[in-house]
Structures are given as C-alpha cells and as structure tokens.
Amino acid sequence: MSNTEKTRMDCLCAGILFVDYICDPIAHLPEAGELIKTKGISIALGGCAANAAADLRKLGVRVGVAGCVGSDAAGSLVREKLASYGADISGVIAIDSTMAEKYPSPHGTDVTRSAGTLVVNVEGQDRRFISTPGANDAFCPSMIPDAWLDEAKVFYLGGYLMMHGLESDDFVDLLKRLRAKGVKTILDVVLMSSDAQHFQHVLKKVLPYADLFMPNDDESKIITGLNEPLDQARWFRDLGANDVCITLGSKGTIFAGDHGVLRCGVYPTNFVGGTGSGDAFDAGFIAAILEGKGDADCLRWGSALGASCVRSLTASDSVFTRDELLEFIDQHELDIVSL
C-alpha cells in the first residue's frame, strides 16, 4: 500500500450543519401565552452532515466536514464540537457580511447566522421541529475542498434538497467526477416543503450518479406520492439511484439494490429521543461499507448505531464506539428477510 493510500480520507461529510436546542419531554404543548416547565434544555450539535461526521469519528473513521455556519457563537460551537470529535473542519466556512452578497438566500434567510432547530419533545409523541436553514442556504459545490474529492473513499451528502446551492449543474458535474474516480456517493435528504414536483425535477438529474440514496419513508412519500416503502424504493431506482435504503423508524428498514430487496427489523433499545437516529443509521451503514461489508451487514451496523442513538435526547451523545457496536451486534440478532 502506498503512502497516498494510507493517508486517504475515509469519508467526506458535506451538507447541513446545525445547532439543536432540545427540550426534555413536556406533558403537553403550551397554549398561547402558557409557560411550560421542562427539566432541561440541551444545546447540541445537529444537522445530517455534522451528526454523521461525529458518529463516524466515534467509530474511528477519518472524516472531513464541508458546509457553512454563520459568523456567530453558534457557528463557533459547531466547529468546536466537530473538532472535539477529531473531524477535519477545514471545509467548514463561516459566512460573514462580506460573503453574504455573493451567496444570497432565495428564502430571505440571513446566511451570516448559523442554522438552528428547536426540538420539542412531548411525552408519548413524536418530536416537533422549528428550524431555520441559516448559513446552509449559502453552501455550494465550489466550497468543498477540491483536494478532498480526490482523497475521499465515500462522499456523503446530508440534507440534500434543503440547500438550493447544490441543486445545480455544478453539483451534477461534481457527482460525475466522483463516479469517474470510483468514490462511493451517498445522498440523504431533508425536506422543508412539500413541493414534490420540484424535488422530482432535482432528483432526476442527480440520482443517476448516486450509489446509495437514503431517505426515510415520510420523505419518500412526499417526493413520490406513494405510500408503500417498497414501491418508493423501486420508484427511486427507476429514477436512476443504484441502491436505495429507506428507514421506517420503529418499523425497520427497506433496502433495494442490484442483489435484491431486504427488509430488516430493529434492535432492542431504551428509547429516550429520536433526534439524530437517521444520521446515526447512515454513519453505521457508511462505516460498514468502508470495511467491505455486504448489504445485510451494512443494515446491521446502521440499525445498531441508530438504536444506540435514541438512548439520549441529543444526536450523538449515546452513539456507540466501534468496540461497543461490534459487541452489541455480536450479542443481538436483527431480523433480516429477502423480499
């Protein structure tokens, strides 16, 4: 093995970077003017690219992060947290007032402010989110360090369809370049609207260059208009995606690829909160890919890391290390069947 091969980046994590403000579960949503007490509010790293990068670092994967934050305290927090995990943050750009004119937001968002999400947890209910994309609206392909595109083994784009700057021919050209170099390209999405026609138009251009597409079933329903996850997966494959992995929350996962269709259940876990569980699944799946695992083992790694994530309210605090992941998989069975 050459020195170049030894120093290659394992995974380039690009996409949305957030700060999450997460409340401990409350008994009910407050009425207008009502004050509700919660046991605590956590301030934590958030956003698909940030969460996946943090989780991959816990598994020992070498990671570079590309994305945008604001020139504010929240942006500094994102950079500091990612650096504390050992991620290379030289691709994280802080947007200031001199850059804002060059990268205007089509939504009128102040791109000099970091993205933030209020995560409202109500006992016995799914999470509710209030979110602003902030500096993510400025992110575009030219901001990704060019050298990283030559180094990475896997390119993970988290939060696609939320960053208008990546809905471009330049991004398609970037995916073509990665395909030509044999880099594994993985796309996950976040939807801030229900404009299915727009989503379909954008995905029609990029999915033919995606080795793996990883939406959840709610996102897939909005995009495709189809209710059944298996039908959704086939729809995305017909649009050009090579492999499709649709997460179904507590119902497990559907995987459709060249070698057939797999459906897997979920591992037992102590559920506290779902924030970041999909990103943890992605990270586990990516780590397994990097180790040359087959489809079923990739599902095991993803499902196990997702199960570890939901044991806390934040996205990465309870996520397994590599040793913990392997021990957990060794001790627990995951129901996987071919369809």
Foldseek 3Di string as FASTA:
>chain_A
DDPLLVPFAAEEQEEAWEKEWEFAAWADDDDVPDDTDTPDIDTGIAFLSLLLLLLLLLQVGAYEYAAEAAPDPRLVVSVVVSVVSVHHDPRYYHDDPVCCVVQPAPVRAAQNHGKYWYWHHHPPDAIDIDIDRHVRQRDAPVSGPPVNLLRYQEYEYTAPPNHVRCLDVVVLVSLVSSVVNNRAYEYEHDDPDLPLVVVLVSLLSRQLSHQEYEYAQVVLCSNPVDNDPVVSQVVSVVSHHAKYWYAHVQQFIWIQHPVAIKTKGAWDADARHQGQLSSQLVSQLSVCVSVVDDPVNSSLRSRLQSRQQRVDHYNHPRGHRSVRSVVVSVVTDMDMDGD
